[in-house]
Structures are given as C-alpha cells and as structure tokens.
Amino acid sequence: MPRSVNSVAKRARRKKVLKQAKGYFGRRKNVWTVAKNAVDKAMLYSYRDRRVKKRNFRSLWITRINAGARQHGMSYSQFMGSLKTNGIELNRKVLADLAMNHPEAFAAIVNQVK
C-alpha cells in the first residue's frame, strides 16, 4: 500500500508561516527553512517582550514619580512609604501621569502625605 501524505495541510502550514514572514529581508521572507526559523524566533521575542514591556513601563513610572517627588523635597521611597501609611491607594501609573501632566495635583498629594 502506498504511503499517504497530507499535502494540503503541509502546504497550508507553509503558507501560514511564509505569510507571517512577509516583510522580512532577503531569504527570510521566501525560503521555507529560513522563514520558519525567523518566524519562530520572532514569536519567542514577541512572547518575551510582552512581559518585558510591563517591566519597562513600571520603571518609567517610578522614574517619573521620583523626579516629581524630589521637586518637593522627598525621595521616591519616602513618598511611596508615606502614601501607604496615609492610606492613599493610587497606583504608579496614575501617580506618574499626575507628576508629568498635572504637577499641581501631584503637589497636593505630596503636601498631603508630608
């Protein structure tokens, strides 16, 4: 009995990967083995960097809050510690936005926790 191969599924798999590789440079966009490796690596990077993006934004927020707090004579750690003790539950994203775009509101928060 002859060997059965599912060429339709095989071709569909390859078309899907080559479609994902659209826009890549050189053989990465049209040679199956090179494109498969490039797409696999890109998927790993995208999975990893969705988590790294969260870390980067948190560090950006901390930097902005620190700069805003130091303008009012407090360090970041003193400011966050006094926020907790005073029961003010604003997250770092909101505090960083206030420090950047609404300095008078941020100053009011700093004066409240001093």
PDB file of N, CA and C in Angstrom:
ATOM      1  N   MET A   1       0.846  -1.188   0.000  1.00  0.00           N
ATOM      2  CA  MET A   1       0.000   0.000   0.000  1.00  0.00           C
ATOM      3  C   MET A   1       0.886   1.244   0.000  1.00  0.00           C
ATOM      4  N   PRO A   2       0.578   2.207  -0.860  1.00  0.00           N
ATOM      5  CA  PRO A   2       1.434   3.392  -0.937  1.00  0.00           C
ATOM      6  C   PRO A   2       1.288   4.277   0.306  1.00  0.00           C
ATOM      7  N   ARG A   3       2.344   5.042   0.529  1.00  0.00           N
ATOM      8  CA  ARG A   3       2.361   5.937   1.687  1.00  0.00           C
ATOM      9  C   ARG A   3       1.423   7.122   1.428  1.00  0.00           C
ATOM     10  N   SER A   4       0.662   7.483   2.440  1.00  0.00           N
ATOM     11  CA  SER A   4      -0.281   8.593   2.306  1.00  0.00           C
ATOM     12  C   SER A   4       0.335   9.849   2.923  1.00  0.00           C
ATOM     13  N   VAL A   5       0.342  10.912   2.146  1.00  0.00           N
ATOM     14  CA  VAL A   5       0.853  12.188   2.670  1.00  0.00           C
ATOM     15  C   VAL A   5      -0.252  13.233   2.535  1.00  0.00           C
ATOM     16  N   ASN A   6      -0.320  14.094   3.510  1.00  0.00           N
ATOM     17  CA  ASN A   6      -1.357  15.122   3.509  1.00  0.00           C
ATOM     18  C   ASN A   6      -0.755  16.418   2.970  1.00  0.00           C
ATOM     19  N   SER A   7      -0.675  16.515   1.661  1.00  0.00           N
ATOM     20  CA  SER A   7      -0.024  17.664   1.034  1.00  0.00           C
ATOM     21  C   SER A   7      -0.792  18.955   1.261  1.00  0.00           C
ATOM     22  N   VAL A   8      -2.098  18.860   1.369  1.00  0.00           N
ATOM     23  CA  VAL A   8      -2.903  20.060   1.546  1.00  0.00           C
ATOM     24  C   VAL A   8      -2.560  20.730   2.867  1.00  0.00           C
ATOM     25  N   ALA A   9      -2.509  19.957   3.932  1.00  0.00           N
ATOM     26  CA  ALA A   9      -2.191  20.504   5.247  1.00  0.00           C
ATOM     27  C   ALA A   9      -0.755  21.003   5.284  1.00  0.00           C
ATOM     28  N   LYS A  10       0.148  20.277   4.646  1.00  0.00           N
ATOM     29  CA  LYS A  10       1.554  20.670   4.612  1.00  0.00           C
ATOM     30  C   LYS A  10       1.713  22.026   3.929  1.00  0.00           C
ATOM     31  N   ARG A  11       1.040  22.177   2.789  1.00  0.00           N
ATOM     32  CA  ARG A  11       1.123  23.433   2.053  1.00  0.00           C
ATOM     33  C   ARG A  11       0.495  24.570   2.853  1.00  0.00           C
ATOM     34  N   ALA A  12      -0.619  24.298   3.521  1.00  0.00           N
ATOM     35  CA  ALA A  12      -1.285  25.324   4.317  1.00  0.00           C
ATOM     36  C   ALA A  12      -0.396  25.793   5.458  1.00  0.00           C
ATOM     37  N   ARG A  13       0.297  24.830   6.100  1.00  0.00           N
ATOM     38  CA  ARG A  13       1.210  25.174   7.186  1.00  0.00           C
ATOM     39  C   ARG A  13       2.321  26.093   6.688  1.00  0.00           C
ATOM     40  N   ARG A  14       2.871  25.728   5.527  1.00  0.00           N
ATOM     41  CA  ARG A  14       3.970  26.523   4.979  1.00  0.00           C
ATOM     42  C   ARG A  14       3.488  27.900   4.539  1.00  0.00           C
ATOM     43  N   LYS A  15       2.315  27.955   3.946  1.00  0.00           N
ATOM     44  CA  LYS A  15       1.772  29.254   3.524  1.00  0.00           C
ATOM     45  C   LYS A  15       1.547  30.163   4.726  1.00  0.00           C
ATOM     46  N   LYS A  16       1.076  29.568   5.832  1.00  0.00           N
ATOM     47  CA  LYS A  16       0.821  30.357   7.033  1.00  0.00           C
ATOM     48  C   LYS A  16       2.118  30.974   7.556  1.00  0.00           C
ATOM     49  N   VAL A  17       3.193  30.165   7.591  1.00  0.00           N
ATOM     50  CA  VAL A  17       4.470  30.671   8.095  1.00  0.00           C
ATOM     51  C   VAL A  17       5.046  31.712   7.145  1.00  0.00           C
ATOM     52  N   LEU A  18       4.971  31.461   5.839  1.00  0.00           N
ATOM     53  CA  LEU A  18       5.504  32.425   4.875  1.00  0.00           C
ATOM     54  C   LEU A  18       4.708  33.725   4.904  1.00  0.00           C
ATOM     55  N   LYS A  19       3.421  33.633   5.196  1.00  0.00           N
ATOM     56  CA  LYS A  19       2.626  34.850   5.324  1.00  0.00           C
ATOM     57  C   LYS A  19       3.063  35.646   6.557  1.00  0.00           C
ATOM     58  N   GLN A  20       3.403  34.938   7.647  1.00  0.00           N
ATOM     59  CA  GLN A  20       3.887  35.620   8.848  1.00  0.00           C
ATOM     60  C   GLN A  20       5.240  36.272   8.611  1.00  0.00           C
ATOM     61  N   ALA A  21       6.024  35.716   7.664  1.00  0.00           N
ATOM     62  CA  ALA A  21       7.363  36.235   7.379  1.00  0.00           C
ATOM     63  C   ALA A  21       7.330  37.364   6.358  1.00  0.00           C
ATOM     64  N   LYS A  22       6.149  37.776   5.946  1.00  0.00           N
ATOM     65  CA  LYS A  22       6.041  38.838   4.954  1.00  0.00           C
ATOM     66  C   LYS A  22       6.686  40.116   5.493  1.00  0.00           C
ATOM     67  N   GLY A  23       7.522  40.746   4.688  1.00  0.00           N
ATOM     68  CA  GLY A  23       8.190  41.964   5.101  1.00  0.00           C
ATOM     69  C   GLY A  23       9.595  41.726   5.619  1.00  0.00           C
ATOM     70  N   TYR A  24       9.978  40.469   5.833  1.00  0.00           N
ATOM     71  CA  TYR A  24      11.339  40.190   6.269  1.00  0.00           C
ATOM     72  C   TYR A  24      12.288  40.409   5.097  1.00  0.00           C
ATOM     73  N   PHE A  25      13.578  40.523   5.400  1.00  0.00           N
ATOM     74  CA  PHE A  25      14.580  40.856   4.380  1.00  0.00           C
ATOM     75  C   PHE A  25      15.231  39.597   3.823  1.00  0.00           C
ATOM     76  N   GLY A  26      15.442  39.594   2.523  1.00  0.00           N
ATOM     77  CA  GLY A  26      16.204  38.520   1.884  1.00  0.00           C
ATOM     78  C   GLY A  26      15.474  37.189   1.892  1.00  0.00           C
ATOM     79  N   ARG A  27      16.243  36.114   2.145  1.00  0.00           N
ATOM     80  CA  ARG A  27      15.664  34.772   2.098  1.00  0.00           C
ATOM     81  C   ARG A  27      14.735  34.503   3.263  1.00  0.00           C
ATOM     82  N   ARG A  28      14.758  35.363   4.273  1.00  0.00           N
ATOM     83  CA  ARG A  28      13.891  35.154   5.438  1.00  0.00           C
ATOM     84  C   ARG A  28      12.421  35.232   5.068  1.00  0.00           C
ATOM     85  N   LYS A  29      12.096  35.861   3.936  1.00  0.00           N
ATOM     86  CA  LYS A  29      10.683  36.017   3.581  1.00  0.00           C
ATOM     87  C   LYS A  29      10.167  34.946   2.631  1.00  0.00           C
ATOM     88  N   ASN A  30      11.050  34.219   1.930  1.00  0.00           N
ATOM     89  CA  ASN A  30      10.511  33.316   0.910  1.00  0.00           C
ATOM     90  C   ASN A  30      11.132  31.920   0.872  1.00  0.00           C
ATOM     91  N   VAL A  31      12.150  31.637   1.665  1.00  0.00           N
ATOM     92  CA  VAL A  31      12.724  30.287   1.719  1.00  0.00           C
ATOM     93  C   VAL A  31      12.193  29.622   2.986  1.00  0.00           C
ATOM     94  N   TRP A  32      11.579  28.457   2.810  1.00  0.00           N
ATOM     95  CA  TRP A  32      10.829  27.816   3.888  1.00  0.00           C
ATOM     96  C   TRP A  32      11.646  27.642   5.163  1.00  0.00           C
ATOM     97  N   THR A  33      12.832  27.030   5.060  1.00  0.00           N
ATOM     98  CA  THR A  33      13.577  26.710   6.282  1.00  0.00           C
ATOM     99  C   THR A  33      14.047  27.978   6.986  1.00  0.00           C
ATOM    100  N   VAL A  34      14.501  28.957   6.214  1.00  0.00           N
ATOM    101  CA  VAL A  34      14.974  30.207   6.808  1.00  0.00           C
ATOM    102  C   VAL A  34      13.795  30.969   7.406  1.00  0.00           C
ATOM    103  N   ALA A  35      12.677  31.018   6.672  1.00  0.00           N
ATOM    104  CA  ALA A  35      11.493  31.738   7.151  1.00  0.00           C
ATOM    105  C   ALA A  35      10.937  31.090   8.413  1.00  0.00           C
ATOM    106  N   LYS A  36      10.937  29.769   8.464  1.00  0.00           N
ATOM    107  CA  LYS A  36      10.411  29.072   9.644  1.00  0.00           C
ATOM    108  C   LYS A  36      11.227  29.437  10.877  1.00  0.00           C
ATOM    109  N   ASN A  37      12.547  29.420  10.741  1.00  0.00           N
ATOM    110  CA  ASN A  37      13.406  29.777  11.868  1.00  0.00           C
ATOM    111  C   ASN A  37      13.213  31.235  12.271  1.00  0.00           C
ATOM    112  N   ALA A  38      13.088  32.117  11.279  1.00  0.00           N
ATOM    113  CA  ALA A  38      12.923  33.537  11.576  1.00  0.00           C
ATOM    114  C   ALA A  38      11.598  33.804  12.281  1.00  0.00           C
ATOM    115  N   VAL A  39      10.532  33.149  11.829  1.00  0.00           N
ATOM    116  CA  VAL A  39       9.214  33.347  12.444  1.00  0.00           C
ATOM    117  C   VAL A  39       9.199  32.770  13.852  1.00  0.00           C
ATOM    118  N   ASP A  40       9.815  31.598  14.055  1.00  0.00           N
ATOM    119  CA  ASP A  40       9.883  31.009  15.398  1.00  0.00           C
ATOM    120  C   ASP A  40      10.595  31.947  16.362  1.00  0.00           C
ATOM    121  N   LYS A  41      11.720  32.512  15.917  1.00  0.00           N
ATOM    122  CA  LYS A  41      12.482  33.431  16.763  1.00  0.00           C
ATOM    123  C   LYS A  41      11.667  34.693  17.052  1.00  0.00           C
ATOM    124  N   ALA A  42      10.972  35.193  16.022  1.00  0.00           N
ATOM    125  CA  ALA A  42      10.159  36.395  16.214  1.00  0.00           C
ATOM    126  C   ALA A  42       9.034  36.145  17.212  1.00  0.00           C
ATOM    127  N   MET A  43       8.431  34.963  17.148  1.00  0.00           N
ATOM    128  CA  MET A  43       7.360  34.643  18.087  1.00  0.00           C
ATOM    129  C   MET A  43       7.885  34.550  19.517  1.00  0.00           C
ATOM    130  N   LEU A  44       9.092  33.994  19.678  1.00  0.00           N
ATOM    131  CA  LEU A  44       9.704  33.933  21.009  1.00  0.00           C
ATOM    132  C   LEU A  44       9.953  35.339  21.543  1.00  0.00           C
ATOM    133  N   TYR A  45      10.487  36.207  20.690  1.00  0.00           N
ATOM    134  CA  TYR A  45      10.752  37.581  21.103  1.00  0.00           C
ATOM    135  C   TYR A  45       9.453  38.293  21.480  1.00  0.00           C
ATOM    136  N   SER A  46       8.409  38.105  20.681  1.00  0.00           N
ATOM    137  CA  SER A  46       7.159  38.823  20.959  1.00  0.00           C
ATOM    138  C   SER A  46       6.540  38.328  22.265  1.00  0.00           C
ATOM    139  N   TYR A  47       6.617  37.026  22.538  1.00  0.00           N
ATOM    140  CA  TYR A  47       6.093  36.477  23.791  1.00  0.00           C
ATOM    141  C   TYR A  47       6.869  37.048  24.975  1.00  0.00           C
ATOM    142  N   ARG A  48       8.202  37.022  24.862  1.00  0.00           N
ATOM    143  CA  ARG A  48       9.055  37.525  25.946  1.00  0.00           C
ATOM    144  C   ARG A  48       8.818  39.020  26.171  1.00  0.00           C
ATOM    145  N   ASP A  49       8.762  39.784  25.080  1.00  0.00           N
ATOM    146  CA  ASP A  49       8.738  41.232  25.211  1.00  0.00           C
ATOM    147  C   ASP A  49       7.381  41.771  25.619  1.00  0.00           C
ATOM    148  N   ARG A  50       6.320  40.971  25.508  1.00  0.00           N
ATOM    149  CA  ARG A  50       5.051  41.401  26.089  1.00  0.00           C
ATOM    150  C   ARG A  50       5.176  41.484  27.606  1.00  0.00           C
ATOM    151  N   ARG A  51       6.024  40.660  28.196  1.00  0.00           N
ATOM    152  CA  ARG A  51       6.252  40.723  29.631  1.00  0.00           C
ATOM    153  C   ARG A  51       7.275  41.804  29.976  1.00  0.00           C
ATOM    154  N   VAL A  52       8.299  41.957  29.123  1.00  0.00           N
ATOM    155  CA  VAL A  52       9.339  42.960  29.364  1.00  0.00           C
ATOM    156  C   VAL A  52       8.744  44.367  29.286  1.00  0.00           C
ATOM    157  N   LYS A  53       7.758  44.553  28.409  1.00  0.00           N
ATOM    158  CA  LYS A  53       7.126  45.868  28.258  1.00  0.00           C
ATOM    159  C   LYS A  53       6.515  46.331  29.576  1.00  0.00           C
ATOM    160  N   LYS A  54       5.914  45.416  30.319  1.00  0.00           N
ATOM    161  CA  LYS A  54       5.318  45.762  31.602  1.00  0.00           C
ATOM    162  C   LYS A  54       6.391  46.230  32.584  1.00  0.00           C
ATOM    163  N   ARG A  55       7.551  45.551  32.571  1.00  0.00           N
ATOM    164  CA  ARG A  55       8.657  45.957  33.442  1.00  0.00           C
ATOM    165  C   ARG A  55       9.175  47.332  33.057  1.00  0.00           C
ATOM    166  N   ASN A  56       9.307  47.564  31.754  1.00  0.00           N
ATOM    167  CA  ASN A  56       9.835  48.849  31.289  1.00  0.00           C
ATOM    168  C   ASN A  56       8.923  50.000  31.684  1.00  0.00           C
ATOM    169  N   PHE A  57       7.617  49.796  31.546  1.00  0.00           N
ATOM    170  CA  PHE A  57       6.695  50.863  31.913  1.00  0.00           C
ATOM    171  C   PHE A  57       6.718  51.125  33.408  1.00  0.00           C
ATOM    172  N   ARG A  58       6.814  50.063  34.205  1.00  0.00           N
ATOM    173  CA  ARG A  58       6.875  50.268  35.651  1.00  0.00           C
ATOM    174  C   ARG A  58       8.110  51.074  36.028  1.00  0.00           C
ATOM    175  N   SER A  59       9.261  50.770  35.426  1.00  0.00           N
ATOM    176  CA  SER A  59      10.473  51.530  35.744  1.00  0.00           C
ATOM    177  C   SER A  59      10.354  52.980  35.271  1.00  0.00           C
ATOM    178  N   LEU A  60       9.685  53.206  34.136  1.00  0.00           N
ATOM    179  CA  LEU A  60       9.452  54.571  33.665  1.00  0.00           C
ATOM    180  C   LEU A  60       8.577  55.343  34.647  1.00  0.00           C
ATOM    181  N   TRP A  61       7.510  54.695  35.135  1.00  0.00           N
ATOM    182  CA  TRP A  61       6.631  55.350  36.096  1.00  0.00           C
ATOM    183  C   TRP A  61       7.389  55.697  37.371  1.00  0.00           C
ATOM    184  N   ILE A  62       8.230  54.771  37.836  1.00  0.00           N
ATOM    185  CA  ILE A  62       8.997  55.007  39.064  1.00  0.00           C
ATOM    186  C   ILE A  62       9.935  56.192  38.870  1.00  0.00           C
ATOM    187  N   THR A  63      10.581  56.272  37.707  1.00  0.00           N
ATOM    188  CA  THR A  63      11.485  57.388  37.422  1.00  0.00           C
ATOM    189  C   THR A  63      10.738  58.717  37.441  1.00  0.00           C
ATOM    190  N   ARG A  64       9.555  58.747  36.837  1.00  0.00           N
ATOM    191  CA  ARG A  64       8.773  59.987  36.791  1.00  0.00           C
ATOM    192  C   ARG A  64       8.270  60.400  38.170  1.00  0.00           C
ATOM    193  N   ILE A  65       7.820  59.421  38.962  1.00  0.00           N
ATOM    194  CA  ILE A  65       7.354  59.723  40.317  1.00  0.00           C
ATOM    195  C   ILE A  65       8.520  60.230  41.154  1.00  0.00           C
ATOM    196  N   ASN A  66       9.683  59.620  41.005  1.00  0.00           N
ATOM    197  CA  ASN A  66      10.873  60.028  41.752  1.00  0.00           C
ATOM    198  C   ASN A  66      11.235  61.472  41.407  1.00  0.00           C
ATOM    199  N   ALA A  67      11.208  61.811  40.113  1.00  0.00           N
ATOM    200  CA  ALA A  67      11.536  63.180  39.706  1.00  0.00           C
ATOM    201  C   ALA A  67      10.531  64.167  40.287  1.00  0.00           C
ATOM    202  N   GLY A  68       9.253  63.817  40.245  1.00  0.00           N
ATOM    203  CA  GLY A  68       8.229  64.706  40.802  1.00  0.00           C
ATOM    204  C   GLY A  68       8.347  64.858  42.305  1.00  0.00           C
ATOM    205  N   ALA A  69       8.649  63.763  42.999  1.00  0.00           N
ATOM    206  CA  ALA A  69       8.757  63.811  44.457  1.00  0.00           C
ATOM    207  C   ALA A  69       9.980  64.614  44.878  1.00  0.00           C
ATOM    208  N   ARG A  70      11.080  64.481  44.156  1.00  0.00           N
ATOM    209  CA  ARG A  70      12.301  65.209  44.509  1.00  0.00           C
ATOM    210  C   ARG A  70      12.155  66.714  44.309  1.00  0.00           C
ATOM    211  N   GLN A  71      11.261  67.138  43.430  1.00  0.00           N
ATOM    212  CA  GLN A  71      10.991  68.569  43.282  1.00  0.00           C
ATOM    213  C   GLN A  71      10.359  69.148  44.538  1.00  0.00           C
ATOM    214  N   HIS A  72       9.734  68.270  45.311  1.00  0.00           N
ATOM    215  CA  HIS A  72       9.075  68.706  46.550  1.00  0.00           C
ATOM    216  C   HIS A  72       9.830  68.233  47.788  1.00  0.00           C
ATOM    217  N   GLY A  73      11.090  67.859  47.618  1.00  0.00           N
ATOM    218  CA  GLY A  73      11.942  67.541  48.750  1.00  0.00           C
ATOM    219  C   GLY A  73      11.760  66.170  49.358  1.00  0.00           C
ATOM    220  N   MET A  74      11.260  65.212  48.584  1.00  0.00           N
ATOM    221  CA  MET A  74      11.110  63.838  49.080  1.00  0.00           C
ATOM    222  C   MET A  74      11.750  62.892  48.085  1.00  0.00           C
ATOM    223  N   SER A  75      12.224  61.759  48.592  1.00  0.00           N
ATOM    224  CA  SER A  75      12.703  60.725  47.673  1.00  0.00           C
ATOM    225  C   SER A  75      11.521  59.840  47.293  1.00  0.00           C
ATOM    226  N   TYR A  76      11.746  58.997  46.305  1.00  0.00           N
ATOM    227  CA  TYR A  76      10.683  58.093  45.841  1.00  0.00           C
ATOM    228  C   TYR A  76      10.249  57.155  46.961  1.00  0.00           C
ATOM    229  N   SER A  77      11.227  56.574  47.663  1.00  0.00           N
ATOM    230  CA  SER A  77      10.873  55.584  48.684  1.00  0.00           C
ATOM    231  C   SER A  77      10.146  56.237  49.859  1.00  0.00           C
ATOM    232  N   GLN A  78      10.568  57.451  50.244  1.00  0.00           N
ATOM    233  CA  GLN A  78       9.860  58.167  51.309  1.00  0.00           C
ATOM    234  C   GLN A  78       8.426  58.480  50.876  1.00  0.00           C
ATOM    235  N   PHE A  79       8.289  58.916  49.638  1.00  0.00           N
ATOM    236  CA  PHE A  79       6.970  59.283  49.116  1.00  0.00           C
ATOM    237  C   PHE A  79       6.032  58.080  49.088  1.00  0.00           C
ATOM    238  N   MET A  80       6.510  56.952  48.537  1.00  0.00           N
ATOM    239  CA  MET A  80       5.659  55.768  48.442  1.00  0.00           C
ATOM    240  C   MET A  80       5.338  55.209  49.830  1.00  0.00           C
ATOM    241  N   GLY A  81       6.318  55.256  50.732  1.00  0.00           N
ATOM    242  CA  GLY A  81       6.079  54.780  52.088  1.00  0.00           C
ATOM    243  C   GLY A  81       5.026  55.604  52.798  1.00  0.00           C
ATOM    244  N   SER A  82       5.109  56.927  52.648  1.00  0.00           N
ATOM    245  CA  SER A  82       4.117  57.785  53.308  1.00  0.00           C
ATOM    246  C   SER A  82       2.746  57.684  52.641  1.00  0.00           C
ATOM    247  N   LEU A  83       2.710  57.372  51.340  1.00  0.00           N
ATOM    248  CA  LEU A  83       1.418  57.112  50.687  1.00  0.00           C
ATOM    249  C   LEU A  83       0.730  55.921  51.336  1.00  0.00           C
ATOM    250  N   LYS A  84       1.511  54.857  51.574  1.00  0.00           N
ATOM    251  CA  LYS A  84       0.931  53.646  52.168  1.00  0.00           C
ATOM    252  C   LYS A  84       0.431  53.916  53.585  1.00  0.00           C
ATOM    253  N   THR A  85       1.243  54.653  54.360  1.00  0.00           N
ATOM    254  CA  THR A  85       0.834  54.892  55.747  1.00  0.00           C
ATOM    255  C   THR A  85      -0.390  55.795  55.829  1.00  0.00           C
ATOM    256  N   ASN A  86      -0.547  56.719  54.865  1.00  0.00           N
ATOM    257  CA  ASN A  86      -1.719  57.594  54.850  1.00  0.00           C
ATOM    258  C   ASN A  86      -2.924  56.964  54.165  1.00  0.00           C
ATOM    259  N   GLY A  87      -2.757  55.779  53.630  1.00  0.00           N
ATOM    260  CA  GLY A  87      -3.879  55.057  53.036  1.00  0.00           C
ATOM    261  C   GLY A  87      -4.321  55.584  51.686  1.00  0.00           C
ATOM    262  N   ILE A  88      -3.416  56.243  50.982  1.00  0.00           N
ATOM    263  CA  ILE A  88      -3.747  56.725  49.633  1.00  0.00           C
ATOM    264  C   ILE A  88      -3.410  55.619  48.647  1.00  0.00           C
ATOM    265  N   GLU A  89      -4.424  55.110  47.974  1.00  0.00           N
ATOM    266  CA  GLU A  89      -4.224  53.968  47.085  1.00  0.00           C
ATOM    267  C   GLU A  89      -4.270  54.400  45.628  1.00  0.00           C
ATOM    268  N   LEU A  90      -3.231  55.096  45.194  1.00  0.00           N
ATOM    269  CA  LEU A  90      -3.060  55.431  43.779  1.00  0.00           C
ATOM    270  C   LEU A  90      -1.917  54.598  43.247  1.00  0.00           C
ATOM    271  N   ASN A  91      -2.119  54.000  42.087  1.00  0.00           N
ATOM    272  CA  ASN A  91      -1.044  53.166  41.547  1.00  0.00           C
ATOM    273  C   ASN A  91       0.013  54.025  40.861  1.00  0.00           C
ATOM    274  N   ARG A  92       1.123  53.395  40.502  1.00  0.00           N
ATOM    275  CA  ARG A  92       2.256  54.120  39.952  1.00  0.00           C
ATOM    276  C   ARG A  92       1.938  54.754  38.607  1.00  0.00           C
ATOM    277  N   LYS A  93       1.089  54.112  37.827  1.00  0.00           N
ATOM    278  CA  LYS A  93       0.728  54.654  36.518  1.00  0.00           C
ATOM    279  C   LYS A  93       0.020  55.999  36.677  1.00  0.00           C
ATOM    280  N   VAL A  94      -0.933  56.062  37.592  1.00  0.00           N
ATOM    281  CA  VAL A  94      -1.691  57.295  37.819  1.00  0.00           C
ATOM    282  C   VAL A  94      -0.785  58.368  38.419  1.00  0.00           C
ATOM    283  N   LEU A  95       0.047  57.976  39.387  1.00  0.00           N
ATOM    284  CA  LEU A  95       0.946  58.948  40.015  1.00  0.00           C
ATOM    285  C   LEU A  95       1.926  59.531  39.004  1.00  0.00           C
ATOM    286  N   ALA A  96       2.452  58.699  38.110  1.00  0.00           N
ATOM    287  CA  ALA A  96       3.385  59.183  37.095  1.00  0.00           C
ATOM    288  C   ALA A  96       2.686  60.137  36.136  1.00  0.00           C
ATOM    289  N   ASP A  97       1.439  59.839  35.788  1.00  0.00           N
ATOM    290  CA  ASP A  97       0.681  60.726  34.908  1.00  0.00           C
ATOM    291  C   ASP A  97       0.439  62.072  35.589  1.00  0.00           C
ATOM    292  N   LEU A  98       0.111  62.039  36.869  1.00  0.00           N
ATOM    293  CA  LEU A  98      -0.080  63.288  37.601  1.00  0.00           C
ATOM    294  C   LEU A  98       1.218  64.082  37.676  1.00  0.00           C
ATOM    295  N   ALA A  99       2.327  63.409  37.941  1.00  0.00           N
ATOM    296  CA  ALA A  99       3.612  64.090  38.057  1.00  0.00           C
ATOM    297  C   ALA A  99       4.011  64.759  36.744  1.00  0.00           C
ATOM    298  N   MET A 100       3.686  64.120  35.619  1.00  0.00           N
ATOM    299  CA  MET A 100       4.065  64.668  34.314  1.00  0.00           C
ATOM    300  C   MET A 100       3.093  65.736  33.831  1.00  0.00           C
ATOM    301  N   ASN A 101       1.803  65.435  33.857  1.00  0.00           N
ATOM    302  CA  ASN A 101       0.824  66.268  33.171  1.00  0.00           C
ATOM    303  C   ASN A 101       0.028  67.205  34.082  1.00  0.00           C
ATOM    304  N   HIS A 102      -0.012  66.897  35.384  1.00  0.00           N
ATOM    305  CA  HIS A 102      -0.782  67.724  36.325  1.00  0.00           C
ATOM    306  C   HIS A 102       0.059  67.959  37.577  1.00  0.00           C
ATOM    307  N   PRO A 103       1.102  68.780  37.466  1.00  0.00           N
ATOM    308  CA  PRO A 103       2.016  68.947  38.606  1.00  0.00           C
ATOM    309  C   PRO A 103       1.361  69.553  39.844  1.00  0.00           C
ATOM    310  N   GLU A 104       0.317  70.376  39.650  1.00  0.00           N
ATOM    311  CA  GLU A 104      -0.344  70.967  40.818  1.00  0.00           C
ATOM    312  C   GLU A 104      -1.111  69.908  41.612  1.00  0.00           C
ATOM    313  N   ALA A 105      -1.714  68.939  40.918  1.00  0.00           N
ATOM    314  CA  ALA A 105      -2.400  67.845  41.605  1.00  0.00           C
ATOM    315  C   ALA A 105      -1.393  66.943  42.322  1.00  0.00           C
ATOM    316  N   PHE A 106      -0.256  66.716  41.673  1.00  0.00           N
ATOM    317  CA  PHE A 106       0.793  65.901  42.301  1.00  0.00           C
ATOM    318  C   PHE A 106       1.334  66.625  43.536  1.00  0.00           C
ATOM    319  N   ALA A 107       1.493  67.956  43.441  1.00  0.00           N
ATOM    320  CA  ALA A 107       1.977  68.735  44.583  1.00  0.00           C
ATOM    321  C   ALA A 107       0.994  68.633  45.750  1.00  0.00           C
ATOM    322  N   ALA A 108      -0.298  68.617  45.443  1.00  0.00           N
ATOM    323  CA  ALA A 108      -1.297  68.488  46.505  1.00  0.00           C
ATOM    324  C   ALA A 108      -1.181  67.154  47.205  1.00  0.00           C
ATOM    325  N   ILE A 109      -0.919  66.099  46.437  1.00  0.00           N
ATOM    326  CA  ILE A 109      -0.740  64.764  47.045  1.00  0.00           C
ATOM    327  C   ILE A 109       0.502  64.751  47.919  1.00  0.00           C
ATOM    328  N   VAL A 110       1.588  65.341  47.432  1.00  0.00           N
ATOM    329  CA  VAL A 110       2.836  65.376  48.208  1.00  0.00           C
ATOM    330  C   VAL A 110       2.615  66.144  49.500  1.00  0.00           C
ATOM    331  N   ASN A 111       1.938  67.282  49.425  1.00  0.00           N
ATOM    332  CA  ASN A 111       1.691  68.068  50.642  1.00  0.00           C
ATOM    333  C   ASN A 111       0.785  67.323  51.616  1.00  0.00           C
ATOM    334  N   GLN A 112      -0.104  66.519  51.103  1.00  0.00           N
ATOM    335  CA  GLN A 112      -0.997  65.748  51.981  1.00  0.00           C
ATOM    336  C   GLN A 112      -0.234  64.665  52.727  1.00  0.00           C
ATOM    337  N   VAL A 113       0.772  64.068  52.125  1.00  0.00           N
ATOM    338  CA  VAL A 113       1.494  62.973  52.779  1.00  0.00           C
ATOM    339  C   VAL A 113       2.698  63.454  53.592  1.00  0.00           C
ATOM    340  N   LYS A 114       3.079  64.725  53.429  1.00  0.00           N
ATOM    341  CA  LYS A 114       4.230  65.235  54.203  1.00  0.00           C
ATOM    342  C   LYS A 114       3.899  65.333  55.680  1.00  0.00           C
TER     343      LYS A 114
END
